[in-house]
Amino acid sequence: MQNNIGIVGTGYYVPDKIMTNKDLEKNLNTSDEWIYIKVGIKERRIAHGDQATSDLATSAAKNALKNTNIDIEEIDLIIVATSTPDMIQPPTASIIQGNLGAVNAAAFDVSAVCAGFAYAINVGVGMMKGFDNYKNVLVIGAETYSRILDWEDRTTCVFFGDGAGAVILSSVPEGYGHLSSYLMTDGKAHDVIKFPAGGSRYPATNDTIKNNMHAFKMDGKKVWDFAINAFPQAIEKVVDDSKYNLNDIDYVISHQANINIIKKSMDTLGLPMDKTYTNIKKYGNTSGASIPLALAEADSKNLFNDGELIALVGFGGGLSWGSALFKWYSPEGR
């Protein structure tokens, strides 16, 4: 069992196909100005026809591994946060494990929508703290929301994009690494964000598919009301469970749902915007991929220093929300 568990490598991948707000204007009653003011998005990435969620995730994982001295055979566990799996079964994590050649790793998916990565990284830490045989854990968030959207519904399709991010958890020196975790769900509001699957109460038929009843649906107003409370609450809780206070936080890396949610929540916490990193402007909302994508991109810019406090926070369908607090450790040579 390990007590000092930190993030020792990060990586991300986004498809090279860009869809701008101007592109959406051609077929939707919307505008570049409205989308940008409403959520802070200018463009998003769209997976090519031959790219699945597992492909994006595999690329992000390979990029994360390049930033460590850990070989793929040393990975003991792969946890994938996704709400757009390649298939209902097998788990997308199994496909990724095969793609990577991670022959010594167990692999499974976590489904908590936009809070998925917050759940997955906390599960990974818990497995490492609870069992001796999990020493190096690969945690991935990956989504291809372009495959489940109704592209005629301007209330949903303008917000989302495709992408993947990955981190590697491993042992770090005393005083560094994971400090605290927080996870929560409000199942009574499960229908605020939804996409029916094969086991739903109302199975898909030709008529329901034709009428877009089996496309992604979201109640934007309820999501806003939920998020501006869940975000700060999760950060406050994870800090309260550590020996630190809010002013000690160096960076909050949040789910990239809406720039105005981030601004509102940071203001509620009394934290300036220069204590967060956002990339929603160019990638849109990548759901379960957004936290590791933002974390990895910020890390690639060398924004984090040894010993800094980094808080991760996610919120979304379920309704689910969660957070994790780490004292950053930069292995020599990274």
C-alpha atoms as a PDB file:
ATOM      1  CA  MET A   1       0.000   0.000   0.000  1.00  0.00           C
ATOM      2  CA  GLN A   2       1.208   3.481  -0.842  1.00  0.00           C
ATOM      3  CA  ASN A   3       0.573   6.640   1.151  1.00  0.00           C
ATOM      4  CA  ASN A   4       2.293   9.204  -1.060  1.00  0.00           C
ATOM      5  CA  ILE A   5       0.623   9.073  -4.466  1.00  0.00           C
ATOM      6  CA  GLY A   6       1.117  11.806  -7.017  1.00  0.00           C
ATOM      7  CA  ILE A   7       0.706  12.673 -10.674  1.00  0.00           C
ATOM      8  CA  VAL A   8       4.051  11.886 -12.304  1.00  0.00           C
ATOM      9  CA  GLY A   9       3.057  12.294 -15.953  1.00  0.00           C
ATOM     10  CA  THR A  10       0.391  14.002 -18.050  1.00  0.00           C
ATOM     11  CA  GLY A  11      -0.569  13.946 -21.700  1.00  0.00           C
ATOM     12  CA  TYR A  12      -3.403  14.959 -23.983  1.00  0.00           C
ATOM     13  CA  TYR A  13      -4.680  14.543 -27.511  1.00  0.00           C
ATOM     14  CA  VAL A  14      -7.250  16.407 -29.597  1.00  0.00           C
ATOM     15  CA  PRO A  15      -8.309  15.638 -33.189  1.00  0.00           C
ATOM     16  CA  ASP A  16      -6.944  18.039 -35.810  1.00  0.00           C
ATOM     17  CA  LYS A  17     -10.398  18.737 -37.272  1.00  0.00           C
ATOM     18  CA  ILE A  18     -11.605  22.151 -36.047  1.00  0.00           C
ATOM     19  CA  MET A  19     -15.234  23.283 -36.026  1.00  0.00           C
ATOM     20  CA  THR A  20     -15.639  27.007 -35.382  1.00  0.00           C
ATOM     21  CA  ASN A  21     -18.668  28.975 -34.271  1.00  0.00           C
ATOM     22  CA  LYS A  22     -18.752  30.419 -37.780  1.00  0.00           C
ATOM     23  CA  ASP A  23     -19.145  26.881 -39.129  1.00  0.00           C
ATOM     24  CA  LEU A  24     -22.146  26.328 -36.854  1.00  0.00           C
ATOM     25  CA  GLU A  25     -23.742  29.578 -37.996  1.00  0.00           C
ATOM     26  CA  LYS A  26     -24.172  28.074 -41.471  1.00  0.00           C
ATOM     27  CA  ASN A  27     -26.777  25.528 -40.337  1.00  0.00           C
ATOM     28  CA  LEU A  28     -28.049  26.782 -36.982  1.00  0.00           C
ATOM     29  CA  ASN A  29     -29.930  29.826 -35.778  1.00  0.00           C
ATOM     30  CA  THR A  30     -27.007  30.938 -33.623  1.00  0.00           C
ATOM     31  CA  SER A  31     -24.007  33.241 -33.800  1.00  0.00           C
ATOM     32  CA  ASP A  32     -20.345  33.316 -32.962  1.00  0.00           C
ATOM     33  CA  GLU A  33     -20.988  36.240 -30.624  1.00  0.00           C
ATOM     34  CA  TRP A  34     -23.820  34.486 -28.738  1.00  0.00           C
ATOM     35  CA  ILE A  35     -21.834  31.282 -28.198  1.00  0.00           C
ATOM     36  CA  TYR A  36     -18.731  33.132 -27.052  1.00  0.00           C
ATOM     37  CA  ILE A  37     -20.579  35.416 -24.645  1.00  0.00           C
ATOM     38  CA  LYS A  38     -22.770  32.588 -23.332  1.00  0.00           C
ATOM     39  CA  VAL A  39     -20.074  29.968 -22.697  1.00  0.00           C
ATOM     40  CA  GLY A  40     -16.685  31.272 -23.856  1.00  0.00           C
ATOM     41  CA  ILE A  41     -16.202  28.933 -26.829  1.00  0.00           C
ATOM     42  CA  LYS A  42     -14.773  29.947 -30.192  1.00  0.00           C
ATOM     43  CA  GLU A  43     -14.027  26.503 -31.630  1.00  0.00           C
ATOM     44  CA  ARG A  44     -13.979  22.823 -30.776  1.00  0.00           C
ATOM     45  CA  ARG A  45     -12.307  19.656 -32.101  1.00  0.00           C
ATOM     46  CA  ILE A  46     -14.260  16.941 -33.893  1.00  0.00           C
ATOM     47  CA  ALA A  47     -13.081  13.347 -34.236  1.00  0.00           C
ATOM     48  CA  HIS A  48     -12.615  12.021 -37.760  1.00  0.00           C
ATOM     49  CA  GLY A  49     -14.916   9.255 -38.928  1.00  0.00           C
ATOM     50  CA  ASP A  50     -12.292   6.577 -38.297  1.00  0.00           C
ATOM     51  CA  GLN A  51     -11.468   7.824 -34.773  1.00  0.00           C
ATOM     52  CA  ALA A  52     -13.185   6.297 -31.754  1.00  0.00           C
ATOM     53  CA  THR A  53     -13.006   7.379 -28.118  1.00  0.00           C
ATOM     54  CA  SER A  54     -10.433   4.630 -27.549  1.00  0.00           C
ATOM     55  CA  ASP A  55      -8.190   6.086 -30.270  1.00  0.00           C
ATOM     56  CA  LEU A  56      -8.175   9.540 -28.682  1.00  0.00           C
ATOM     57  CA  ALA A  57      -7.540   8.000 -25.276  1.00  0.00           C
ATOM     58  CA  THR A  58      -4.713   5.794 -26.559  1.00  0.00           C
ATOM     59  CA  SER A  59      -2.913   8.810 -28.032  1.00  0.00           C
ATOM     60  CA  ALA A  60      -3.304  10.816 -24.807  1.00  0.00           C
ATOM     61  CA  ALA A  61      -1.991   7.875 -22.782  1.00  0.00           C
ATOM     62  CA  LYS A  62       1.062   7.477 -25.014  1.00  0.00           C
ATOM     63  CA  ASN A  63       1.818  11.176 -24.625  1.00  0.00           C
ATOM     64  CA  ALA A  64       1.546  10.869 -20.843  1.00  0.00           C
ATOM     65  CA  LEU A  65       3.902   7.892 -20.804  1.00  0.00           C
ATOM     66  CA  LYS A  66       6.479   9.860 -22.798  1.00  0.00           C
ATOM     67  CA  ASN A  67       6.658  12.298 -19.898  1.00  0.00           C
ATOM     68  CA  THR A  68       7.625   9.628 -17.375  1.00  0.00           C
ATOM     69  CA  ASN A  69      10.303   6.979 -16.922  1.00  0.00           C
ATOM     70  CA  ILE A  70       7.578   4.330 -16.588  1.00  0.00           C
ATOM     71  CA  ASP A  71       7.281   1.613 -19.235  1.00  0.00           C
ATOM     72  CA  ILE A  72       3.881   0.421 -20.403  1.00  0.00           C
ATOM     73  CA  GLU A  73       4.540  -3.026 -18.883  1.00  0.00           C
ATOM     74  CA  GLU A  74       4.795  -1.343 -15.478  1.00  0.00           C
ATOM     75  CA  ILE A  75       1.240  -0.009 -15.613  1.00  0.00           C
ATOM     76  CA  ASP A  76      -0.873  -2.084 -13.213  1.00  0.00           C
ATOM     77  CA  LEU A  77      -4.282  -0.533 -13.770  1.00  0.00           C
ATOM     78  CA  ILE A  78      -6.056   1.560 -16.415  1.00  0.00           C
ATOM     79  CA  ILE A  79      -9.165   3.536 -15.470  1.00  0.00           C
ATOM     80  CA  VAL A  80     -11.060   5.340 -18.218  1.00  0.00           C
ATOM     81  CA  ALA A  81     -13.639   8.049 -17.556  1.00  0.00           C
ATOM     82  CA  THR A  82     -16.000   8.317 -20.507  1.00  0.00           C
ATOM     83  CA  SER A  83     -19.688   8.810 -21.230  1.00  0.00           C
ATOM     84  CA  THR A  84     -19.160   8.142 -24.952  1.00  0.00           C
ATOM     85  CA  PRO A  85     -17.622   4.653 -24.940  1.00  0.00           C
ATOM     86  CA  ASP A  86     -16.741   2.860 -28.155  1.00  0.00           C
ATOM     87  CA  MET A  87     -19.382   0.278 -27.253  1.00  0.00           C
ATOM     88  CA  ILE A  88     -21.692  -0.517 -24.347  1.00  0.00           C
ATOM     89  CA  GLN A  89     -19.536  -3.612 -23.978  1.00  0.00           C
ATOM     90  CA  PRO A  90     -16.652  -4.362 -23.781  1.00  0.00           C
ATOM     91  CA  PRO A  91     -15.342  -1.486 -21.672  1.00  0.00           C
ATOM     92  CA  THR A  92     -13.390   1.089 -23.642  1.00  0.00           C
ATOM     93  CA  ALA A  93     -10.541   0.620 -21.156  1.00  0.00           C
ATOM     94  CA  SER A  94     -10.085  -2.940 -22.439  1.00  0.00           C
ATOM     95  CA  ILE A  95      -9.646  -1.683 -25.991  1.00  0.00           C
ATOM     96  CA  ILE A  96      -7.118   0.903 -24.821  1.00  0.00           C
ATOM     97  CA  GLN A  97      -5.223  -1.704 -22.805  1.00  0.00           C
ATOM     98  CA  GLY A  98      -4.890  -3.785 -25.964  1.00  0.00           C
ATOM     99  CA  ASN A  99      -3.887  -0.781 -28.058  1.00  0.00           C
ATOM    100  CA  LEU A 100      -1.147   0.145 -25.605  1.00  0.00           C
ATOM    101  CA  GLY A 101       0.106  -3.389 -25.005  1.00  0.00           C
ATOM    102  CA  ALA A 102      -0.329  -2.906 -21.253  1.00  0.00           C
ATOM    103  CA  VAL A 103      -0.194  -6.653 -20.683  1.00  0.00           C
ATOM    104  CA  ASN A 104       0.109  -6.412 -16.883  1.00  0.00           C
ATOM    105  CA  ALA A 105      -2.779  -4.009 -16.344  1.00  0.00           C
ATOM    106  CA  ALA A 106      -6.359  -4.535 -15.291  1.00  0.00           C
ATOM    107  CA  ALA A 107      -8.714  -2.105 -17.016  1.00  0.00           C
ATOM    108  CA  PHE A 108     -12.208  -0.745 -16.472  1.00  0.00           C
ATOM    109  CA  ASP A 109     -14.414   2.273 -17.249  1.00  0.00           C
ATOM    110  CA  VAL A 110     -15.949   4.840 -14.897  1.00  0.00           C
ATOM    111  CA  SER A 111     -19.136   6.611 -15.948  1.00  0.00           C
ATOM    112  CA  ALA A 112     -19.892   9.869 -14.145  1.00  0.00           C
ATOM    113  CA  VAL A 113     -20.217  12.116 -17.222  1.00  0.00           C
ATOM    114  CA  CYS A 114     -18.479  15.495 -16.775  1.00  0.00           C
ATOM    115  CA  ALA A 115     -17.426  14.522 -13.240  1.00  0.00           C
ATOM    116  CA  GLY A 116     -16.005  11.270 -14.598  1.00  0.00           C
ATOM    117  CA  PHE A 117     -12.344  12.151 -14.295  1.00  0.00           C
ATOM    118  CA  ALA A 118     -12.765  13.429 -10.731  1.00  0.00           C
ATOM    119  CA  TYR A 119     -14.303  10.064  -9.889  1.00  0.00           C
ATOM    120  CA  ALA A 120     -11.710   8.068 -11.831  1.00  0.00           C
ATOM    121  CA  ILE A 121      -8.632   9.697 -10.310  1.00  0.00           C
ATOM    122  CA  ASN A 122     -10.035   9.284  -6.810  1.00  0.00           C
ATOM    123  CA  VAL A 123     -10.783   5.625  -7.515  1.00  0.00           C
ATOM    124  CA  GLY A 124      -7.216   5.209  -8.777  1.00  0.00           C
ATOM    125  CA  VAL A 125      -5.761   6.780  -5.639  1.00  0.00           C
ATOM    126  CA  GLY A 126      -8.003   4.601  -3.485  1.00  0.00           C
ATOM    127  CA  MET A 127      -6.906   1.425  -5.252  1.00  0.00           C
ATOM    128  CA  MET A 128      -3.262   2.354  -4.794  1.00  0.00           C
ATOM    129  CA  LYS A 129      -3.738   3.145  -1.098  1.00  0.00           C
ATOM    130  CA  GLY A 130      -5.738  -0.005  -0.487  1.00  0.00           C
ATOM    131  CA  PHE A 131      -3.784  -2.661  -2.403  1.00  0.00           C
ATOM    132  CA  ASP A 132      -0.071  -3.427  -2.716  1.00  0.00           C
ATOM    133  CA  ASN A 133      -0.252  -4.589  -6.340  1.00  0.00           C
ATOM    134  CA  TYR A 134      -1.283  -1.231  -7.863  1.00  0.00           C
ATOM    135  CA  LYS A 135       1.877   0.857  -8.036  1.00  0.00           C
ATOM    136  CA  ASN A 136       1.434   2.664 -11.363  1.00  0.00           C
ATOM    137  CA  VAL A 137      -2.070   3.628 -12.479  1.00  0.00           C
ATOM    138  CA  LEU A 138      -3.057   5.239 -15.778  1.00  0.00           C
ATOM    139  CA  VAL A 139      -6.187   7.402 -15.523  1.00  0.00           C
ATOM    140  CA  ILE A 140      -7.745   8.711 -18.742  1.00  0.00           C
ATOM    141  CA  GLY A 141     -10.662  10.965 -19.579  1.00  0.00           C
ATOM    142  CA  ALA A 142     -11.810  10.677 -23.206  1.00  0.00           C
ATOM    143  CA  GLU A 143     -14.924  11.698 -25.120  1.00  0.00           C
ATOM    144  CA  THR A 144     -16.371  11.890 -28.632  1.00  0.00           C
ATOM    145  CA  TYR A 145     -19.517  13.904 -27.963  1.00  0.00           C
ATOM    146  CA  SER A 146     -19.819  14.724 -31.649  1.00  0.00           C
ATOM    147  CA  ARG A 147     -21.256  11.187 -32.052  1.00  0.00           C
ATOM    148  CA  ILE A 148     -24.193  11.608 -29.669  1.00  0.00           C
ATOM    149  CA  LEU A 149     -25.320  15.181 -30.322  1.00  0.00           C
ATOM    150  CA  ASP A 150     -28.339  16.345 -32.240  1.00  0.00           C
ATOM    151  CA  TRP A 151     -26.615  18.754 -34.627  1.00  0.00           C
ATOM    152  CA  GLU A 152     -29.902  20.553 -35.211  1.00  0.00           C
ATOM    153  CA  ASP A 153     -30.335  21.347 -31.506  1.00  0.00           C
ATOM    154  CA  ARG A 154     -28.550  24.620 -30.828  1.00  0.00           C
ATOM    155  CA  THR A 155     -29.220  24.271 -27.078  1.00  0.00           C
ATOM    156  CA  THR A 156     -26.692  21.418 -26.878  1.00  0.00           C
ATOM    157  CA  CYS A 157     -24.518  20.913 -29.948  1.00  0.00           C
ATOM    158  CA  VAL A 158     -22.708  24.272 -29.844  1.00  0.00           C
ATOM    159  CA  PHE A 159     -21.154  23.524 -26.457  1.00  0.00           C
ATOM    160  CA  PHE A 160     -19.277  20.260 -26.943  1.00  0.00           C
ATOM    161  CA  GLY A 161     -16.079  18.952 -28.500  1.00  0.00           C
ATOM    162  CA  ASP A 162     -13.944  15.806 -28.645  1.00  0.00           C
ATOM    163  CA  GLY A 163     -10.653  15.128 -26.898  1.00  0.00           C
ATOM    164  CA  ALA A 164      -8.717  13.126 -24.328  1.00  0.00           C
ATOM    165  CA  GLY A 165      -6.362  13.667 -21.416  1.00  0.00           C
ATOM    166  CA  ALA A 166      -4.373  11.242 -19.280  1.00  0.00           C
ATOM    167  CA  VAL A 167      -2.357  11.167 -16.067  1.00  0.00           C
ATOM    168  CA  ILE A 168      -0.114   8.573 -14.499  1.00  0.00           C
ATOM    169  CA  LEU A 169      -0.297   8.055 -10.754  1.00  0.00           C
ATOM    170  CA  SER A 170       2.722   6.674  -8.953  1.00  0.00           C
ATOM    171  CA  SER A 171       4.681   6.891  -5.717  1.00  0.00           C
ATOM    172  CA  VAL A 172       6.136  10.314  -4.860  1.00  0.00           C
ATOM    173  CA  PRO A 173       8.322  11.516  -1.960  1.00  0.00           C
ATOM    174  CA  GLU A 174       6.943  12.176   1.524  1.00  0.00           C
ATOM    175  CA  GLY A 175       4.988  15.424   1.723  1.00  0.00           C
ATOM    176  CA  TYR A 176       3.906  15.402  -1.938  1.00  0.00           C
ATOM    177  CA  GLY A 177       0.974  13.963  -3.837  1.00  0.00           C
ATOM    178  CA  HIS A 178      -2.666  13.311  -3.008  1.00  0.00           C
ATOM    179  CA  LEU A 179      -4.026  15.104   0.047  1.00  0.00           C
ATOM    180  CA  SER A 180      -7.805  14.699   0.000  1.00  0.00           C
ATOM    181  CA  SER A 181     -10.834  13.650  -2.038  1.00  0.00           C
ATOM    182  CA  TYR A 182     -14.528  14.429  -2.276  1.00  0.00           C
ATOM    183  CA  LEU A 183     -17.297  12.786  -4.326  1.00  0.00           C
ATOM    184  CA  MET A 184     -21.061  13.346  -4.310  1.00  0.00           C
ATOM    185  CA  THR A 185     -24.205  12.544  -6.326  1.00  0.00           C
ATOM    186  CA  ASP A 186     -27.781  13.831  -6.433  1.00  0.00           C
ATOM    187  CA  GLY A 187     -29.653  11.028  -8.170  1.00  0.00           C
ATOM    188  CA  LYS A 188     -33.010  12.749  -7.829  1.00  0.00           C
ATOM    189  CA  ALA A 189     -31.824  15.111 -10.568  1.00  0.00           C
ATOM    190  CA  HIS A 190     -30.508  12.357 -12.837  1.00  0.00           C
ATOM    191  CA  ASP A 191     -32.634  13.508 -15.787  1.00  0.00           C
ATOM    192  CA  VAL A 192     -31.128  17.012 -16.036  1.00  0.00           C
ATOM    193  CA  ILE A 193     -28.472  15.630 -18.407  1.00  0.00           C
ATOM    194  CA  LYS A 194     -29.231  12.389 -20.232  1.00  0.00           C
ATOM    195  CA  PHE A 195     -28.652  10.140 -23.201  1.00  0.00           C
ATOM    196  CA  PRO A 196     -30.803   6.940 -23.209  1.00  0.00           C
ATOM    197  CA  ALA A 197     -29.033   3.614 -23.803  1.00  0.00           C
ATOM    198  CA  GLY A 198     -30.070   0.080 -24.676  1.00  0.00           C
ATOM    199  CA  GLY A 199     -31.274  -0.686 -21.162  1.00  0.00           C
ATOM    200  CA  SER A 200     -33.446   2.401 -20.833  1.00  0.00           C
ATOM    201  CA  ARG A 201     -37.094   2.303 -19.831  1.00  0.00           C
ATOM    202  CA  TYR A 202     -38.006   3.474 -23.326  1.00  0.00           C
ATOM    203  CA  PRO A 203     -35.911   1.554 -25.858  1.00  0.00           C
ATOM    204  CA  ALA A 204     -34.960   3.233 -29.105  1.00  0.00           C
ATOM    205  CA  THR A 205     -37.277   2.679 -32.076  1.00  0.00           C
ATOM    206  CA  ASN A 206     -37.156   4.046 -35.587  1.00  0.00           C
ATOM    207  CA  ASP A 207     -39.639   6.742 -34.562  1.00  0.00           C
ATOM    208  CA  THR A 208     -37.782   7.815 -31.410  1.00  0.00           C
ATOM    209  CA  ILE A 209     -34.479   7.964 -33.272  1.00  0.00           C
ATOM    210  CA  LYS A 210     -36.069   9.920 -36.108  1.00  0.00           C
ATOM    211  CA  ASN A 211     -37.518  12.402 -33.629  1.00  0.00           C
ATOM    212  CA  ASN A 212     -34.157  12.764 -31.847  1.00  0.00           C
ATOM    213  CA  MET A 213     -35.533  11.331 -28.605  1.00  0.00           C
ATOM    214  CA  HIS A 214     -32.333   9.305 -28.296  1.00  0.00           C
ATOM    215  CA  ALA A 215     -29.970  12.221 -28.740  1.00  0.00           C
ATOM    216  CA  PHE A 216     -28.128  13.930 -25.899  1.00  0.00           C
ATOM    217  CA  LYS A 217     -30.399  16.227 -23.870  1.00  0.00           C
ATOM    218  CA  MET A 218     -29.543  18.857 -21.270  1.00  0.00           C
ATOM    219  CA  ASP A 219     -31.498  21.402 -19.238  1.00  0.00           C
ATOM    220  CA  GLY A 220     -29.079  24.320 -19.404  1.00  0.00           C
ATOM    221  CA  LYS A 221     -30.694  26.443 -16.683  1.00  0.00           C
ATOM    222  CA  LYS A 222     -30.724  23.583 -14.173  1.00  0.00           C
ATOM    223  CA  VAL A 223     -27.130  22.700 -15.060  1.00  0.00           C
ATOM    224  CA  TRP A 224     -26.075  26.303 -14.380  1.00  0.00           C
ATOM    225  CA  ASP A 225     -27.865  26.415 -11.022  1.00  0.00           C
ATOM    226  CA  PHE A 226     -26.289  23.108 -10.022  1.00  0.00           C
ATOM    227  CA  ALA A 227     -22.771  23.897 -11.236  1.00  0.00           C
ATOM    228  CA  ILE A 228     -22.318  27.294  -9.577  1.00  0.00           C
ATOM    229  CA  ASN A 229     -23.020  25.608  -6.237  1.00  0.00           C
ATOM    230  CA  ALA A 230     -21.329  22.232  -6.784  1.00  0.00           C
ATOM    231  CA  PHE A 231     -18.020  23.685  -8.026  1.00  0.00           C
ATOM    232  CA  PRO A 232     -17.231  25.873  -4.983  1.00  0.00           C
ATOM    233  CA  GLN A 233     -18.695  23.354  -2.549  1.00  0.00           C
ATOM    234  CA  ALA A 234     -16.424  20.594  -3.847  1.00  0.00           C
ATOM    235  CA  ILE A 235     -13.349  22.810  -3.604  1.00  0.00           C
ATOM    236  CA  GLU A 236     -14.240  23.982  -0.089  1.00  0.00           C
ATOM    237  CA  LYS A 237     -14.821  20.390   1.021  1.00  0.00           C
ATOM    238  CA  VAL A 238     -11.567  19.008  -0.353  1.00  0.00           C
ATOM    239  CA  VAL A 239      -9.592  21.889   1.189  1.00  0.00           C
ATOM    240  CA  ASP A 240     -11.382  21.526   4.546  1.00  0.00           C
ATOM    241  CA  ASP A 241     -10.279  17.883   4.621  1.00  0.00           C
ATOM    242  CA  SER A 242      -6.639  18.914   4.277  1.00  0.00           C
ATOM    243  CA  LYS A 243      -4.464  21.031   6.574  1.00  0.00           C
ATOM    244  CA  TYR A 244      -4.612  23.941   4.135  1.00  0.00           C
ATOM    245  CA  ASN A 245      -7.045  26.768   3.416  1.00  0.00           C
ATOM    246  CA  LEU A 246      -8.473  28.243   0.213  1.00  0.00           C
ATOM    247  CA  ASN A 247      -5.824  30.943  -0.068  1.00  0.00           C
ATOM    248  CA  ASP A 248      -3.120  28.256  -0.143  1.00  0.00           C
ATOM    249  CA  ILE A 249      -4.405  26.871  -3.454  1.00  0.00           C
ATOM    250  CA  ASP A 250      -2.141  27.698  -6.385  1.00  0.00           C
ATOM    251  CA  TYR A 251      -4.324  26.325  -9.193  1.00  0.00           C
ATOM    252  CA  VAL A 252      -7.883  25.098  -9.607  1.00  0.00           C
ATOM    253  CA  ILE A 253      -8.225  22.915 -12.692  1.00  0.00           C
ATOM    254  CA  SER A 254     -11.930  22.548 -13.323  1.00  0.00           C
ATOM    255  CA  HIS A 255     -14.270  20.910 -15.755  1.00  0.00           C
ATOM    256  CA  GLN A 256     -14.462  23.223 -18.788  1.00  0.00           C
ATOM    257  CA  ALA A 257     -18.249  23.493 -19.066  1.00  0.00           C
ATOM    258  CA  ASN A 258     -18.724  27.223 -19.341  1.00  0.00           C
ATOM    259  CA  ILE A 259     -16.295  30.088 -18.762  1.00  0.00           C
ATOM    260  CA  ASN A 260     -19.006  31.956 -16.859  1.00  0.00           C
ATOM    261  CA  ILE A 261     -19.509  29.019 -14.467  1.00  0.00           C
ATOM    262  CA  ILE A 262     -15.773  29.042 -13.808  1.00  0.00           C
ATOM    263  CA  LYS A 263     -15.693  32.814 -13.254  1.00  0.00           C
ATOM    264  CA  LYS A 264     -18.743  32.734 -10.978  1.00  0.00           C
ATOM    265  CA  SER A 265     -17.388  29.815  -8.931  1.00  0.00           C
ATOM    266  CA  MET A 266     -13.898  31.272  -8.554  1.00  0.00           C
ATOM    267  CA  ASP A 267     -15.490  34.518  -7.390  1.00  0.00           C
ATOM    268  CA  THR A 268     -17.606  32.629  -4.850  1.00  0.00           C
ATOM    269  CA  LEU A 269     -14.423  31.018  -3.528  1.00  0.00           C
ATOM    270  CA  GLY A 270     -12.681  34.382  -3.371  1.00  0.00           C
ATOM    271  CA  LEU A 271      -9.989  33.191  -5.766  1.00  0.00           C
ATOM    272  CA  PRO A 272      -8.711  35.212  -8.747  1.00  0.00           C
ATOM    273  CA  MET A 273      -8.956  33.837 -12.287  1.00  0.00           C
ATOM    274  CA  ASP A 274      -5.165  33.694 -12.519  1.00  0.00           C
ATOM    275  CA  LYS A 275      -5.420  30.740 -10.133  1.00  0.00           C
ATOM    276  CA  THR A 276      -7.127  28.632 -12.771  1.00  0.00           C
ATOM    277  CA  TYR A 277      -6.343  27.491 -16.297  1.00  0.00           C
ATOM    278  CA  THR A 278      -8.965  27.396 -19.037  1.00  0.00           C
ATOM    279  CA  ASN A 279      -8.939  26.121 -22.608  1.00  0.00           C
ATOM    280  CA  ILE A 280     -12.694  25.985 -23.294  1.00  0.00           C
ATOM    281  CA  LYS A 281     -12.236  28.757 -25.873  1.00  0.00           C
ATOM    282  CA  LYS A 282     -10.486  26.397 -28.297  1.00  0.00           C
ATOM    283  CA  TYR A 283     -11.742  22.942 -27.253  1.00  0.00           C
ATOM    284  CA  GLY A 284     -15.294  23.489 -25.979  1.00  0.00           C
ATOM    285  CA  ASN A 285     -16.785  21.223 -23.325  1.00  0.00           C
ATOM    286  CA  THR A 286     -15.073  17.834 -23.625  1.00  0.00           C
ATOM    287  CA  SER A 287     -17.018  16.394 -20.677  1.00  0.00           C
ATOM    288  CA  GLY A 288     -14.986  13.733 -18.823  1.00  0.00           C
ATOM    289  CA  ALA A 289     -11.882  14.644 -20.808  1.00  0.00           C
ATOM    290  CA  SER A 290     -11.844  18.327 -19.911  1.00  0.00           C
ATOM    291  CA  ILE A 291     -10.035  18.195 -16.545  1.00  0.00           C
ATOM    292  CA  PRO A 292      -7.085  16.028 -17.662  1.00  0.00           C
ATOM    293  CA  LEU A 293      -6.920  17.873 -20.989  1.00  0.00           C
ATOM    294  CA  ALA A 294      -6.625  21.233 -19.201  1.00  0.00           C
ATOM    295  CA  LEU A 295      -4.246  19.784 -16.599  1.00  0.00           C
ATOM    296  CA  ALA A 296      -1.958  18.250 -19.216  1.00  0.00           C
ATOM    297  CA  GLU A 297      -1.932  21.346 -21.399  1.00  0.00           C
ATOM    298  CA  ALA A 298      -1.102  23.559 -18.418  1.00  0.00           C
ATOM    299  CA  ASP A 299       1.617  21.094 -17.377  1.00  0.00           C
ATOM    300  CA  SER A 300       3.079  21.166 -20.896  1.00  0.00           C
ATOM    301  CA  LYS A 301       3.449  24.943 -20.458  1.00  0.00           C
ATOM    302  CA  ASN A 302       5.335  24.375 -17.177  1.00  0.00           C
ATOM    303  CA  LEU A 303       2.747  26.311 -15.185  1.00  0.00           C
ATOM    304  CA  PHE A 304       3.009  24.104 -12.087  1.00  0.00           C
ATOM    305  CA  ASN A 305       5.902  24.310  -9.664  1.00  0.00           C
ATOM    306  CA  ASP A 306       7.144  21.734  -7.192  1.00  0.00           C
ATOM    307  CA  GLY A 307       5.115  21.855  -3.985  1.00  0.00           C
ATOM    308  CA  GLU A 308       2.191  23.862  -5.336  1.00  0.00           C
ATOM    309  CA  LEU A 309      -1.357  22.929  -4.373  1.00  0.00           C
ATOM    310  CA  ILE A 310      -3.440  21.830  -7.362  1.00  0.00           C
ATOM    311  CA  ALA A 311      -7.182  21.246  -6.916  1.00  0.00           C
ATOM    312  CA  LEU A 312      -9.182  19.316  -9.516  1.00  0.00           C
ATOM    313  CA  VAL A 313     -12.960  19.688  -9.695  1.00  0.00           C
ATOM    314  CA  GLY A 314     -15.644  18.173 -11.919  1.00  0.00           C
ATOM    315  CA  PHE A 315     -19.431  18.462 -12.073  1.00  0.00           C
ATOM    316  CA  GLY A 316     -22.086  17.133 -14.439  1.00  0.00           C
ATOM    317  CA  GLY A 317     -24.600  14.434 -15.243  1.00  0.00           C
ATOM    318  CA  GLY A 318     -25.877  12.240 -12.490  1.00  0.00           C
ATOM    319  CA  LEU A 319     -25.973  14.827 -11.092  1.00  0.00           C
ATOM    320  CA  SER A 320     -22.422  14.128  -9.919  1.00  0.00           C
ATOM    321  CA  TRP A 321     -19.582  16.262  -8.654  1.00  0.00           C
ATOM    322  CA  GLY A 322     -16.215  15.733  -7.038  1.00  0.00           C
ATOM    323  CA  SER A 323     -12.741  17.033  -6.371  1.00  0.00           C
ATOM    324  CA  ALA A 324      -9.200  16.032  -5.467  1.00  0.00           C
ATOM    325  CA  LEU A 325      -6.321  17.983  -3.951  1.00  0.00           C
ATOM    326  CA  PHE A 326      -2.670  17.313  -4.759  1.00  0.00           C
ATOM    327  CA  LYS A 327       0.639  18.802  -3.715  1.00  0.00           C
ATOM    328  CA  TRP A 328       2.432  18.886  -7.050  1.00  0.00           C
ATOM    329  CA  TYR A 329       5.604  16.872  -7.547  1.00  0.00           C
ATOM    330  CA  SER A 330       7.840  17.258 -10.581  1.00  0.00           C
ATOM    331  CA  PRO A 331      10.091  14.238 -11.042  1.00  0.00           C
ATOM    332  CA  GLU A 332      13.647  15.091 -12.077  1.00  0.00           C
ATOM    333  CA  GLY A 333      13.966  15.221 -15.830  1.00  0.00           C
ATOM    334  CA  ARG A 334      10.336  16.090 -16.570  1.00  0.00           C
END
